[in-house]
């Protein structure tokens, strides 16, 4: 399973409550990869999910929404360029299961956040 979210999924911050620690050791027959990032995790995760989806057999993914994303102090124009991955973006854009409309929306939002690939 791919599990995405905010900084609560960063291993150094979550401690024993981290899903990878709770669900490992074969107790639940789940293989997982957890990825957490603060700041602009919503756009970052959308791109990463689209990039990774063709590579995984079970396309069901978990996405934890953080209330931090809705707070006014966020500065995605400052934060997003530091987490942007050109390779993930290209893989996202070549994923045939993602609509042209969604690809356009993501690309436009990236431009608002300081990475213009239009």
PDB file of N, CA and C in Angstrom:
ATOM      1  N   UNK A   1       0.841  -1.182   0.000  1.00  0.00           N
ATOM      2  CA  UNK A   1       0.000   0.000   0.000  1.00  0.00           C
ATOM      3  C   UNK A   1       0.882   1.239   0.000  1.00  0.00           C
ATOM      4  N   UNK A   2       0.429   2.236  -0.689  1.00  0.00           N
ATOM      5  CA  UNK A   2       1.087   3.530  -0.635  1.00  0.00           C
ATOM      6  C   UNK A   2       0.286   4.407   0.315  1.00  0.00           C
ATOM      7  N   UNK A   3       0.953   4.977   1.294  1.00  0.00           N
ATOM      8  CA  UNK A   3       0.300   5.820   2.281  1.00  0.00           C
ATOM      9  C   UNK A   3       0.967   7.195   2.232  1.00  0.00           C
ATOM     10  N   UNK A   4       0.177   8.209   1.911  1.00  0.00           N
ATOM     11  CA  UNK A   4       0.674   9.570   1.785  1.00  0.00           C
ATOM     12  C   UNK A   4       0.023  10.455   2.839  1.00  0.00           C
ATOM     13  N   UNK A   5       0.693  11.523   3.180  1.00  0.00           N
ATOM     14  CA  UNK A   5       0.122  12.466   4.118  1.00  0.00           C
ATOM     15  C   UNK A   5       1.060  13.602   4.389  1.00  0.00           C
ATOM     16  N   UNK A   6       0.852  14.235   5.515  1.00  0.00           N
ATOM     17  CA  UNK A   6       1.658  15.400   5.868  1.00  0.00           C
ATOM     18  C   UNK A   6       2.807  14.991   6.776  1.00  0.00           C
ATOM     19  N   UNK A   7       3.326  15.940   7.498  1.00  0.00           N
ATOM     20  CA  UNK A   7       4.510  15.686   8.321  1.00  0.00           C
ATOM     21  C   UNK A   7       4.263  14.641   9.401  1.00  0.00           C
ATOM     22  N   UNK A   8       3.013  14.346   9.717  1.00  0.00           N
ATOM     23  CA  UNK A   8       2.719  13.293  10.686  1.00  0.00           C
ATOM     24  C   UNK A   8       3.203  11.929  10.231  1.00  0.00           C
ATOM     25  N   UNK A   9       3.451  11.774   8.930  1.00  0.00           N
ATOM     26  CA  UNK A   9       3.979  10.515   8.409  1.00  0.00           C
ATOM     27  C   UNK A   9       5.498  10.530   8.270  1.00  0.00           C
ATOM     28  N   UNK A  10       6.108  11.648   8.590  1.00  0.00           N
ATOM     29  CA  UNK A  10       7.569  11.680   8.563  1.00  0.00           C
ATOM     30  C   UNK A  10       8.070  10.819   9.721  1.00  0.00           C
ATOM     31  N   UNK A  11       8.908   9.818   9.467  1.00  0.00           N
ATOM     32  CA  UNK A  11       9.298   8.875  10.514  1.00  0.00           C
ATOM     33  C   UNK A  11       9.907   9.520  11.747  1.00  0.00           C
ATOM     34  N   UNK A  12      10.662  10.580  11.559  1.00  0.00           N
ATOM     35  CA  UNK A  12      11.319  11.189  12.715  1.00  0.00           C
ATOM     36  C   UNK A  12      10.346  11.932  13.623  1.00  0.00           C
ATOM     37  N   UNK A  13       9.163  12.272  13.132  1.00  0.00           N
ATOM     38  CA  UNK A  13       8.198  13.012  13.929  1.00  0.00           C
ATOM     39  C   UNK A  13       7.128  12.130  14.568  1.00  0.00           C
ATOM     40  N   UNK A  14       6.774  11.034  13.916  1.00  0.00           N
ATOM     41  CA  UNK A  14       5.617  10.259  14.352  1.00  0.00           C
ATOM     42  C   UNK A  14       5.910   9.303  15.497  1.00  0.00           C
ATOM     43  N   UNK A  15       7.123   8.829  15.612  1.00  0.00           N
ATOM     44  CA  UNK A  15       7.466   7.896  16.686  1.00  0.00           C
ATOM     45  C   UNK A  15       6.694   6.592  16.576  1.00  0.00           C
ATOM     46  N   UNK A  16       6.320   5.995  17.716  1.00  0.00           N
ATOM     47  CA  UNK A  16       5.686   4.671  17.691  1.00  0.00           C
ATOM     48  C   UNK A  16       4.300   4.659  17.050  1.00  0.00           C
ATOM     49  N   UNK A  17       3.694   5.821  16.834  1.00  0.00           N
ATOM     50  CA  UNK A  17       2.381   5.869  16.194  1.00  0.00           C
ATOM     51  C   UNK A  17       2.472   5.855  14.673  1.00  0.00           C
ATOM     52  N   UNK A  18       3.674   5.848  14.134  1.00  0.00           N
ATOM     53  CA  UNK A  18       3.857   5.859  12.683  1.00  0.00           C
ATOM     54  C   UNK A  18       3.252   4.585  12.085  1.00  0.00           C
ATOM     55  N   UNK A  19       2.421   4.705  11.027  1.00  0.00           N
ATOM     56  CA  UNK A  19       1.790   3.512  10.443  1.00  0.00           C
ATOM     57  C   UNK A  19       2.780   2.425  10.044  1.00  0.00           C
ATOM     58  N   UNK A  20       3.947   2.807   9.566  1.00  0.00           N
ATOM     59  CA  UNK A  20       4.927   1.798   9.179  1.00  0.00           C
ATOM     60  C   UNK A  20       5.384   0.979  10.379  1.00  0.00           C
ATOM     61  N   UNK A  21       5.433   1.586  11.562  1.00  0.00           N
ATOM     62  CA  UNK A  21       5.810   0.847  12.765  1.00  0.00           C
ATOM     63  C   UNK A  21       4.647   0.008  13.297  1.00  0.00           C
ATOM     64  N   UNK A  22       3.450   0.542  13.192  1.00  0.00           N
ATOM     65  CA  UNK A  22       2.279  -0.175  13.695  1.00  0.00           C
ATOM     66  C   UNK A  22       1.931  -1.404  12.856  1.00  0.00           C
ATOM     67  N   UNK A  23       2.137  -1.313  11.554  1.00  0.00           N
ATOM     68  CA  UNK A  23       1.650  -2.351  10.649  1.00  0.00           C
ATOM     69  C   UNK A  23       2.736  -3.236  10.068  1.00  0.00           C
ATOM     70  N   UNK A  24       3.947  -3.145  10.551  1.00  0.00           N
ATOM     71  CA  UNK A  24       5.029  -3.975  10.007  1.00  0.00           C
ATOM     72  C   UNK A  24       5.169  -5.281  10.790  1.00  0.00           C
ATOM     73  N   UNK A  25       6.230  -5.971  10.542  1.00  0.00           N
ATOM     74  CA  UNK A  25       6.570  -7.252  11.173  1.00  0.00           C
ATOM     75  C   UNK A  25       5.627  -8.379  10.769  1.00  0.00           C
ATOM     76  N   UNK A  26       4.939  -8.220   9.634  1.00  0.00           N
ATOM     77  CA  UNK A  26       4.104  -9.291   9.107  1.00  0.00           C
ATOM     78  C   UNK A  26       2.825  -9.553   9.861  1.00  0.00           C
ATOM     79  N   UNK A  27       2.480  -8.711  10.795  1.00  0.00           N
ATOM     80  CA  UNK A  27       1.279  -8.955  11.593  1.00  0.00           C
ATOM     81  C   UNK A  27      -0.011  -8.825  10.796  1.00  0.00           C
ATOM     82  N   UNK A  28       0.007  -8.011   9.746  1.00  0.00           N
ATOM     83  CA  UNK A  28      -1.223  -7.748   9.013  1.00  0.00           C
ATOM     84  C   UNK A  28      -1.116  -8.083   7.530  1.00  0.00           C
ATOM     85  N   UNK A  29      -0.060  -8.719   7.102  1.00  0.00           N
ATOM     86  CA  UNK A  29       0.155  -9.105   5.705  1.00  0.00           C
ATOM     87  C   UNK A  29       0.029  -7.906   4.770  1.00  0.00           C
ATOM     88  N   UNK A  30       0.595  -6.781   5.177  1.00  0.00           N
ATOM     89  CA  UNK A  30       0.554  -5.565   4.376  1.00  0.00           C
ATOM     90  C   UNK A  30       1.984  -5.117   4.102  1.00  0.00           C
ATOM     91  N   UNK A  31       2.276  -4.886   2.846  1.00  0.00           N
ATOM     92  CA  UNK A  31       3.516  -4.219   2.482  1.00  0.00           C
ATOM     93  C   UNK A  31       3.165  -2.768   2.216  1.00  0.00           C
ATOM     94  N   UNK A  32       3.911  -1.862   2.787  1.00  0.00           N
ATOM     95  CA  UNK A  32       3.548  -0.461   2.604  1.00  0.00           C
ATOM     96  C   UNK A  32       4.771   0.409   2.413  1.00  0.00           C
ATOM     97  N   UNK A  33       4.494   1.547   1.807  1.00  0.00           N
ATOM     98  CA  UNK A  33       5.484   2.601   1.708  1.00  0.00           C
ATOM     99  C   UNK A  33       4.778   3.866   2.186  1.00  0.00           C
ATOM    100  N   UNK A  34       5.296   4.483   3.231  1.00  0.00           N
ATOM    101  CA  UNK A  34       4.688   5.697   3.759  1.00  0.00           C
ATOM    102  C   UNK A  34       5.548   6.895   3.385  1.00  0.00           C
ATOM    103  N   UNK A  35       4.875   7.974   3.002  1.00  0.00           N
ATOM    104  CA  UNK A  35       5.573   9.204   2.643  1.00  0.00           C
ATOM    105  C   UNK A  35       4.826  10.371   3.241  1.00  0.00           C
ATOM    106  N   UNK A  36       5.511  11.159   4.019  1.00  0.00           N
ATOM    107  CA  UNK A  36       4.905  12.341   4.603  1.00  0.00           C
ATOM    108  C   UNK A  36       5.776  13.554   4.387  1.00  0.00           C
ATOM    109  N   UNK A  37       5.117  14.672   4.194  1.00  0.00           N
ATOM    110  CA  UNK A  37       5.850  15.898   3.918  1.00  0.00           C
ATOM    111  C   UNK A  37       5.022  17.071   4.423  1.00  0.00           C
ATOM    112  N   UNK A  38       5.677  18.006   5.036  1.00  0.00           N
ATOM    113  CA  UNK A  38       4.981  19.211   5.496  1.00  0.00           C
ATOM    114  C   UNK A  38       4.842  20.201   4.346  1.00  0.00           C
ATOM    115  N   UNK A  39       4.076  21.232   4.578  1.00  0.00           N
ATOM    116  CA  UNK A  39       3.966  22.306   3.588  1.00  0.00           C
ATOM    117  C   UNK A  39       2.966  22.011   2.502  1.00  0.00           C
ATOM    118  N   UNK A  40       3.436  21.825   1.292  1.00  0.00           N
ATOM    119  CA  UNK A  40       2.553  21.651   0.139  1.00  0.00           C
ATOM    120  C   UNK A  40       2.347  20.185  -0.184  1.00  0.00           C
ATOM    121  N   UNK A  41       2.111  19.389   0.824  1.00  0.00           N
ATOM    122  CA  UNK A  41       1.982  17.942   0.645  1.00  0.00           C
ATOM    123  C   UNK A  41       0.806  17.567  -0.241  1.00  0.00           C
ATOM    124  N   UNK A  42      -0.227  18.372  -0.296  1.00  0.00           N
ATOM    125  CA  UNK A  42      -1.378  18.028  -1.108  1.00  0.00           C
ATOM    126  C   UNK A  42      -1.011  17.945  -2.585  1.00  0.00           C
ATOM    127  N   UNK A  43      -0.371  18.952  -3.122  1.00  0.00           N
ATOM    128  CA  UNK A  43       0.026  18.942  -4.528  1.00  0.00           C
ATOM    129  C   UNK A  43       1.169  17.959  -4.759  1.00  0.00           C
ATOM    130  N   UNK A  44       2.112  17.932  -3.859  1.00  0.00           N
ATOM    131  CA  UNK A  44       3.228  16.983  -3.962  1.00  0.00           C
ATOM    132  C   UNK A  44       2.704  15.549  -4.023  1.00  0.00           C
ATOM    133  N   UNK A  45       1.769  15.189  -3.129  1.00  0.00           N
ATOM    134  CA  UNK A  45       1.248  13.826  -3.087  1.00  0.00           C
ATOM    135  C   UNK A  45       0.435  13.501  -4.326  1.00  0.00           C
ATOM    136  N   UNK A  46      -0.319  14.446  -4.847  1.00  0.00           N
ATOM    137  CA  UNK A  46      -1.096  14.188  -6.068  1.00  0.00           C
ATOM    138  C   UNK A  46      -0.165  13.802  -7.215  1.00  0.00           C
ATOM    139  N   UNK A  47       0.931  14.510  -7.349  1.00  0.00           N
ATOM    140  CA  UNK A  47       1.899  14.199  -8.406  1.00  0.00           C
ATOM    141  C   UNK A  47       2.560  12.851  -8.147  1.00  0.00           C
ATOM    142  N   UNK A  48       2.991  12.625  -6.915  1.00  0.00           N
ATOM    143  CA  UNK A  48       3.643  11.357  -6.574  1.00  0.00           C
ATOM    144  C   UNK A  48       2.697  10.168  -6.757  1.00  0.00           C
ATOM    145  N   UNK A  49       1.443  10.317  -6.356  1.00  0.00           N
ATOM    146  CA  UNK A  49       0.465   9.234  -6.528  1.00  0.00           C
ATOM    147  C   UNK A  49       0.293   8.896  -8.003  1.00  0.00           C
ATOM    148  N   UNK A  50       0.138   9.927  -8.817  1.00  0.00           N
ATOM    149  CA  UNK A  50      -0.016   9.704 -10.254  1.00  0.00           C
ATOM    150  C   UNK A  50       1.213   9.098 -10.887  1.00  0.00           C
ATOM    151  N   UNK A  51       2.378   9.446 -10.361  1.00  0.00           N
ATOM    152  CA  UNK A  51       3.629   8.895 -10.882  1.00  0.00           C
ATOM    153  C   UNK A  51       3.801   7.434 -10.491  1.00  0.00           C
ATOM    154  N   UNK A  52       3.429   7.087  -9.274  1.00  0.00           N
ATOM    155  CA  UNK A  52       3.646   5.734  -8.753  1.00  0.00           C
ATOM    156  C   UNK A  52       2.561   4.735  -9.159  1.00  0.00           C
ATOM    157  N   UNK A  53       1.359   5.199  -9.408  1.00  0.00           N
ATOM    158  CA  UNK A  53       0.218   4.305  -9.626  1.00  0.00           C
ATOM    159  C   UNK A  53       0.469   3.215 -10.665  1.00  0.00           C
ATOM    160  N   UNK A  54       1.065   3.514 -11.819  1.00  0.00           N
ATOM    161  CA  UNK A  54       1.267   2.434 -12.799  1.00  0.00           C
ATOM    162  C   UNK A  54       2.245   1.353 -12.342  1.00  0.00           C
ATOM    163  N   UNK A  55       3.029   1.636 -11.299  1.00  0.00           N
ATOM    164  CA  UNK A  55       4.051   0.701 -10.850  1.00  0.00           C
ATOM    165  C   UNK A  55       3.580  -0.246  -9.751  1.00  0.00           C
ATOM    166  N   UNK A  56       2.402  -0.012  -9.201  1.00  0.00           N
ATOM    167  CA  UNK A  56       1.926  -0.840  -8.101  1.00  0.00           C
ATOM    168  C   UNK A  56       0.736  -1.685  -8.537  1.00  0.00           C
ATOM    169  N   UNK A  57       0.666  -2.906  -8.004  1.00  0.00           N
ATOM    170  CA  UNK A  57      -0.438  -3.806  -8.378  1.00  0.00           C
ATOM    171  C   UNK A  57      -1.758  -3.360  -7.778  1.00  0.00           C
ATOM    172  N   UNK A  58      -1.743  -3.048  -6.507  1.00  0.00           N
ATOM    173  CA  UNK A  58      -2.963  -2.618  -5.828  1.00  0.00           C
ATOM    174  C   UNK A  58      -2.993  -1.100  -5.863  1.00  0.00           C
ATOM    175  N   UNK A  59      -3.843  -0.527  -6.686  1.00  0.00           N
ATOM    176  CA  UNK A  59      -3.842   0.920  -6.884  1.00  0.00           C
ATOM    177  C   UNK A  59      -4.611   1.686  -5.817  1.00  0.00           C
ATOM    178  N   UNK A  60      -5.110   0.991  -4.823  1.00  0.00           N
ATOM    179  CA  UNK A  60      -5.760   1.700  -3.722  1.00  0.00           C
ATOM    180  C   UNK A  60      -4.675   2.319  -2.858  1.00  0.00           C
ATOM    181  N   UNK A  61      -4.807   3.602  -2.595  1.00  0.00           N
ATOM    182  CA  UNK A  61      -3.815   4.323  -1.813  1.00  0.00           C
ATOM    183  C   UNK A  61      -4.513   5.016  -0.661  1.00  0.00           C
ATOM    184  N   UNK A  62      -3.754   5.300   0.375  1.00  0.00           N
ATOM    185  CA  UNK A  62      -4.262   6.002   1.546  1.00  0.00           C
ATOM    186  C   UNK A  62      -3.678   7.410   1.513  1.00  0.00           C
ATOM    187  N   UNK A  63      -4.530   8.380   1.796  1.00  0.00           N
ATOM    188  CA  UNK A  63      -4.101   9.769   1.776  1.00  0.00           C
ATOM    189  C   UNK A  63      -4.676  10.466   2.999  1.00  0.00           C
ATOM    190  N   UNK A  64      -3.809  10.820   3.951  1.00  0.00           N
ATOM    191  CA  UNK A  64      -4.237  11.516   5.159  1.00  0.00           C
ATOM    192  C   UNK A  64      -4.226  13.021   4.895  1.00  0.00           C
ATOM    193  N   UNK A  65      -5.367  13.644   5.049  1.00  0.00           N
ATOM    194  CA  UNK A  65      -5.472  15.090   4.864  1.00  0.00           C
ATOM    195  C   UNK A  65      -5.168  15.765   6.196  1.00  0.00           C
ATOM    196  N   UNK A  66      -4.323  16.754   6.143  1.00  0.00           N
ATOM    197  CA  UNK A  66      -3.931  17.476   7.351  1.00  0.00           C
ATOM    198  C   UNK A  66      -4.670  18.805   7.425  1.00  0.00           C
ATOM    199  N   UNK A  67      -5.137  19.163   8.606  1.00  0.00           N
ATOM    200  CA  UNK A  67      -5.806  20.454   8.751  1.00  0.00           C
ATOM    201  C   UNK A  67      -4.846  21.612   8.498  1.00  0.00           C
ATOM    202  N   UNK A  68      -3.555  21.352   8.588  1.00  0.00           N
ATOM    203  CA  UNK A  68      -2.558  22.394   8.328  1.00  0.00           C
ATOM    204  C   UNK A  68      -2.704  22.963   6.919  1.00  0.00           C
ATOM    205  N   UNK A  69      -3.178  22.132   5.973  1.00  0.00           N
ATOM    206  CA  UNK A  69      -3.281  22.579   4.588  1.00  0.00           C
ATOM    207  C   UNK A  69      -4.324  23.668   4.413  1.00  0.00           C
ATOM    208  N   UNK A  70      -5.204  23.814   5.377  1.00  0.00           N
ATOM    209  CA  UNK A  70      -6.286  24.777   5.260  1.00  0.00           C
ATOM    210  C   UNK A  70      -6.031  26.046   6.070  1.00  0.00           C
ATOM    211  N   UNK A  71      -4.872  26.155   6.669  1.00  0.00           N
ATOM    212  CA  UNK A  71      -4.563  27.315   7.500  1.00  0.00           C
ATOM    213  C   UNK A  71      -3.921  28.424   6.664  1.00  0.00           C
ATOM    214  N   UNK A  72      -4.114  29.640   7.067  1.00  0.00           N
ATOM    215  CA  UNK A  72      -3.720  30.786   6.248  1.00  0.00           C
ATOM    216  C   UNK A  72      -2.217  31.048   6.215  1.00  0.00           C
ATOM    217  N   UNK A  73      -1.441  30.501   7.131  1.00  0.00           N
ATOM    218  CA  UNK A  73      -0.010  30.820   7.157  1.00  0.00           C
ATOM    219  C   UNK A  73       0.810  30.033   6.142  1.00  0.00           C
ATOM    220  N   UNK A  74       0.187  29.111   5.423  1.00  0.00           N
ATOM    221  CA  UNK A  74       0.936  28.344   4.424  1.00  0.00           C
ATOM    222  C   UNK A  74       1.524  29.268   3.366  1.00  0.00           C
ATOM    223  N   UNK A  75       2.657  28.894   2.826  1.00  0.00           N
ATOM    224  CA  UNK A  75       3.300  29.670   1.778  1.00  0.00           C
ATOM    225  C   UNK A  75       3.769  28.726   0.672  1.00  0.00           C
ATOM    226  N   UNK A  76       2.816  28.197  -0.132  1.00  0.00           N
ATOM    227  CA  UNK A  76       3.200  27.199  -1.135  1.00  0.00           C
ATOM    228  C   UNK A  76       4.160  27.717  -2.189  1.00  0.00           C
ATOM    229  N   UNK A  77       4.129  29.015  -2.480  1.00  0.00           N
ATOM    230  CA  UNK A  77       5.080  29.560  -3.445  1.00  0.00           C
ATOM    231  C   UNK A  77       6.518  29.459  -2.958  1.00  0.00           C
ATOM    232  N   UNK A  78       6.693  29.444  -1.654  1.00  0.00           N
ATOM    233  CA  UNK A  78       8.024  29.284  -1.074  1.00  0.00           C
ATOM    234  C   UNK A  78       8.353  27.805  -0.863  1.00  0.00           C
ATOM    235  N   UNK A  79       7.358  26.999  -0.454  1.00  0.00           N
ATOM    236  CA  UNK A  79       7.595  25.612  -0.058  1.00  0.00           C
ATOM    237  C   UNK A  79       7.630  24.622  -1.222  1.00  0.00           C
ATOM    238  N   UNK A  80       6.741  24.784  -2.194  1.00  0.00           N
ATOM    239  CA  UNK A  80       6.625  23.772  -3.235  1.00  0.00           C
ATOM    240  C   UNK A  80       7.880  23.598  -4.096  1.00  0.00           C
ATOM    241  N   UNK A  81       8.541  24.662  -4.541  1.00  0.00           N
ATOM    242  CA  UNK A  81       9.739  24.442  -5.365  1.00  0.00           C
ATOM    243  C   UNK A  81      10.791  23.563  -4.696  1.00  0.00           C
ATOM    244  N   UNK A  82      10.848  23.561  -3.390  1.00  0.00           N
ATOM    245  CA  UNK A  82      11.831  22.748  -2.681  1.00  0.00           C
ATOM    246  C   UNK A  82      11.508  21.264  -2.659  1.00  0.00           C
ATOM    247  N   UNK A  83      10.255  20.897  -2.930  1.00  0.00           N
ATOM    248  CA  UNK A  83       9.873  19.484  -2.913  1.00  0.00           C
ATOM    249  C   UNK A  83       9.506  18.963  -4.296  1.00  0.00           C
ATOM    250  N   UNK A  84       9.504  19.841  -5.294  1.00  0.00           N
ATOM    251  CA  UNK A  84       9.119  19.445  -6.650  1.00  0.00           C
ATOM    252  C   UNK A  84      10.120  18.462  -7.237  1.00  0.00           C
ATOM    253  N   UNK A  85       9.603  17.432  -7.905  1.00  0.00           N
ATOM    254  CA  UNK A  85      10.433  16.445  -8.598  1.00  0.00           C
ATOM    255  C   UNK A  85      10.042  16.415 -10.070  1.00  0.00           C
ATOM    256  N   UNK A  86      10.972  16.801 -10.929  1.00  0.00           N
ATOM    257  CA  UNK A  86      10.700  16.786 -12.374  1.00  0.00           C
ATOM    258  C   UNK A  86      10.397  15.370 -12.851  1.00  0.00           C
ATOM    259  N   UNK A  87      11.117  14.378 -12.319  1.00  0.00           N
ATOM    260  CA  UNK A  87      10.879  12.991 -12.721  1.00  0.00           C
ATOM    261  C   UNK A  87       9.493  12.516 -12.345  1.00  0.00           C
ATOM    262  N   UNK A  88       9.047  12.833 -11.134  1.00  0.00           N
ATOM    263  CA  UNK A  88       7.699  12.448 -10.711  1.00  0.00           C
ATOM    264  C   UNK A  88       6.658  13.170 -11.558  1.00  0.00           C
ATOM    265  N   UNK A  89       6.892  14.435 -11.859  1.00  0.00           N
ATOM    266  CA  UNK A  89       5.950  15.184 -12.686  1.00  0.00           C
ATOM    267  C   UNK A  89       5.840  14.567 -14.073  1.00  0.00           C
ATOM    268  N   UNK A  90       6.969  14.202 -14.671  1.00  0.00           N
ATOM    269  CA  UNK A  90       6.932  13.591 -16.007  1.00  0.00           C
ATOM    270  C   UNK A  90       6.215  12.240 -15.971  1.00  0.00           C
ATOM    271  N   UNK A  91       6.452  11.454 -14.929  1.00  0.00           N
ATOM    272  CA  UNK A  91       5.749  10.167 -14.794  1.00  0.00           C
ATOM    273  C   UNK A  91       4.255  10.389 -14.602  1.00  0.00           C
ATOM    274  N   UNK A  92       3.885  11.400 -13.824  1.00  0.00           N
ATOM    275  CA  UNK A  92       2.480  11.768 -13.641  1.00  0.00           C
ATOM    276  C   UNK A  92       1.858  12.129 -14.987  1.00  0.00           C
ATOM    277  N   UNK A  93       2.545  12.951 -15.765  1.00  0.00           N
ATOM    278  CA  UNK A  93       2.003  13.418 -17.045  1.00  0.00           C
ATOM    279  C   UNK A  93       1.886  12.305 -18.081  1.00  0.00           C
ATOM    280  N   UNK A  94       2.694  11.263 -17.979  1.00  0.00           N
ATOM    281  CA  UNK A  94       2.605  10.166 -18.953  1.00  0.00           C
ATOM    282  C   UNK A  94       1.693   9.039 -18.487  1.00  0.00           C
ATOM    283  N   UNK A  95       1.105   9.164 -17.302  1.00  0.00           N
ATOM    284  CA  UNK A  95       0.170   8.151 -16.805  1.00  0.00           C
ATOM    285  C   UNK A  95      -1.117   8.243 -17.635  1.00  0.00           C
ATOM    286  N   UNK A  96      -1.429   7.199 -18.421  1.00  0.00           N
ATOM    287  CA  UNK A  96      -2.603   7.269 -19.301  1.00  0.00           C
ATOM    288  C   UNK A  96      -3.940   7.239 -18.561  1.00  0.00           C
ATOM    289  N   UNK A  97      -3.934   6.911 -17.288  1.00  0.00           N
ATOM    290  CA  UNK A  97      -5.176   6.833 -16.522  1.00  0.00           C
ATOM    291  C   UNK A  97      -5.579   8.174 -15.903  1.00  0.00           C
ATOM    292  N   UNK A  98      -4.733   9.165 -16.028  1.00  0.00           N
ATOM    293  CA  UNK A  98      -5.038  10.487 -15.484  1.00  0.00           C
ATOM    294  C   UNK A  98      -5.578  11.353 -16.610  1.00  0.00           C
ATOM    295  N   UNK A  99      -6.708  11.978 -16.365  1.00  0.00           N
ATOM    296  CA  UNK A  99      -7.367  12.772 -17.405  1.00  0.00           C
ATOM    297  C   UNK A  99      -6.535  13.997 -17.776  1.00  0.00           C
ATOM    298  N   UNK A 100      -6.730  14.439 -18.990  1.00  0.00           N
ATOM    299  CA  UNK A 100      -6.079  15.658 -19.466  1.00  0.00           C
ATOM    300  C   UNK A 100      -6.501  16.848 -18.603  1.00  0.00           C
ATOM    301  N   UNK A 101      -7.752  16.850 -18.189  1.00  0.00           N
ATOM    302  CA  UNK A 101      -8.256  17.928 -17.341  1.00  0.00           C
ATOM    303  C   UNK A 101      -7.493  17.990 -16.010  1.00  0.00           C
ATOM    304  N   UNK A 102      -7.295  16.838 -15.367  1.00  0.00           N
ATOM    305  CA  UNK A 102      -6.577  16.814 -14.095  1.00  0.00           C
ATOM    306  C   UNK A 102      -5.110  17.190 -14.296  1.00  0.00           C
ATOM    307  N   UNK A 103      -4.508  16.712 -15.364  1.00  0.00           N
ATOM    308  CA  UNK A 103      -3.117  17.086 -15.650  1.00  0.00           C
ATOM    309  C   UNK A 103      -2.990  18.598 -15.811  1.00  0.00           C
ATOM    310  N   UNK A 104      -3.964  19.204 -16.487  1.00  0.00           N
ATOM    311  CA  UNK A 104      -3.955  20.650 -16.668  1.00  0.00           C
ATOM    312  C   UNK A 104      -4.133  21.386 -15.355  1.00  0.00           C
ATOM    313  N   UNK A 105      -5.027  20.881 -14.504  1.00  0.00           N
ATOM    314  CA  UNK A 105      -5.260  21.513 -13.210  1.00  0.00           C
ATOM    315  C   UNK A 105      -3.995  21.476 -12.358  1.00  0.00           C
ATOM    316  N   UNK A 106      -3.352  20.320 -12.320  1.00  0.00           N
ATOM    317  CA  UNK A 106      -2.122  20.172 -11.532  1.00  0.00           C
ATOM    318  C   UNK A 106      -1.039  21.095 -12.078  1.00  0.00           C
ATOM    319  N   UNK A 107      -0.887  21.144 -13.386  1.00  0.00           N
ATOM    320  CA  UNK A 107       0.142  21.990 -14.002  1.00  0.00           C
ATOM    321  C   UNK A 107      -0.131  23.465 -13.713  1.00  0.00           C
ATOM    322  N   UNK A 108      -1.387  23.880 -13.785  1.00  0.00           N
ATOM    323  CA  UNK A 108      -1.723  25.268 -13.465  1.00  0.00           C
ATOM    324  C   UNK A 108      -1.445  25.587 -12.001  1.00  0.00           C
ATOM    325  N   UNK A 109      -1.777  24.664 -11.096  1.00  0.00           N
ATOM    326  CA  UNK A 109      -1.538  24.899  -9.671  1.00  0.00           C
ATOM    327  C   UNK A 109      -0.037  24.970  -9.398  1.00  0.00           C
ATOM    328  N   UNK A 110       0.741  24.117 -10.078  1.00  0.00           N
ATOM    329  CA  UNK A 110       2.191  24.180  -9.916  1.00  0.00           C
ATOM    330  C   UNK A 110       2.713  25.563 -10.293  1.00  0.00           C
ATOM    331  N   UNK A 111       2.175  26.134 -11.375  1.00  0.00           N
ATOM    332  CA  UNK A 111       2.610  27.465 -11.811  1.00  0.00           C
ATOM    333  C   UNK A 111       2.305  28.503 -10.734  1.00  0.00           C
ATOM    334  N   UNK A 112       1.151  28.368 -10.077  1.00  0.00           N
ATOM    335  CA  UNK A 112       0.816  29.280  -8.982  1.00  0.00           C
ATOM    336  C   UNK A 112       1.801  29.130  -7.829  1.00  0.00           C
ATOM    337  N   UNK A 113       2.379  27.940  -7.688  1.00  0.00           N
ATOM    338  CA  UNK A 113       3.290  27.648  -6.596  1.00  0.00           C
ATOM    339  C   UNK A 113       4.761  27.820  -6.997  1.00  0.00           C
ATOM    340  N   UNK A 114       5.015  28.369  -8.173  1.00  0.00           N
ATOM    341  CA  UNK A 114       6.387  28.706  -8.531  1.00  0.00           C
ATOM    342  C   UNK A 114       7.089  27.780  -9.497  1.00  0.00           C
ATOM    343  N   UNK A 115       6.432  26.732  -9.989  1.00  0.00           N
ATOM    344  CA  UNK A 115       7.033  25.832 -10.973  1.00  0.00           C
ATOM    345  C   UNK A 115       6.137  25.834 -12.211  1.00  0.00           C
ATOM    346  N   UNK A 116       6.559  26.555 -13.237  1.00  0.00           N
ATOM    347  CA  UNK A 116       5.704  26.726 -14.425  1.00  0.00           C
ATOM    348  C   UNK A 116       6.159  25.765 -15.531  1.00  0.00           C
ATOM    349  N   UNK A 117       5.333  24.777 -15.826  1.00  0.00           N
ATOM    350  CA  UNK A 117       5.600  23.816 -16.898  1.00  0.00           C
ATOM    351  C   UNK A 117       4.518  23.885 -17.975  1.00  0.00           C
ATOM    352  N   UNK A 118       3.798  25.016 -18.027  1.00  0.00           N
ATOM    353  CA  UNK A 118       2.735  25.153 -19.031  1.00  0.00           C
ATOM    354  C   UNK A 118       3.328  25.396 -20.392  1.00  0.00           C
TER     355      UNK A 118
END
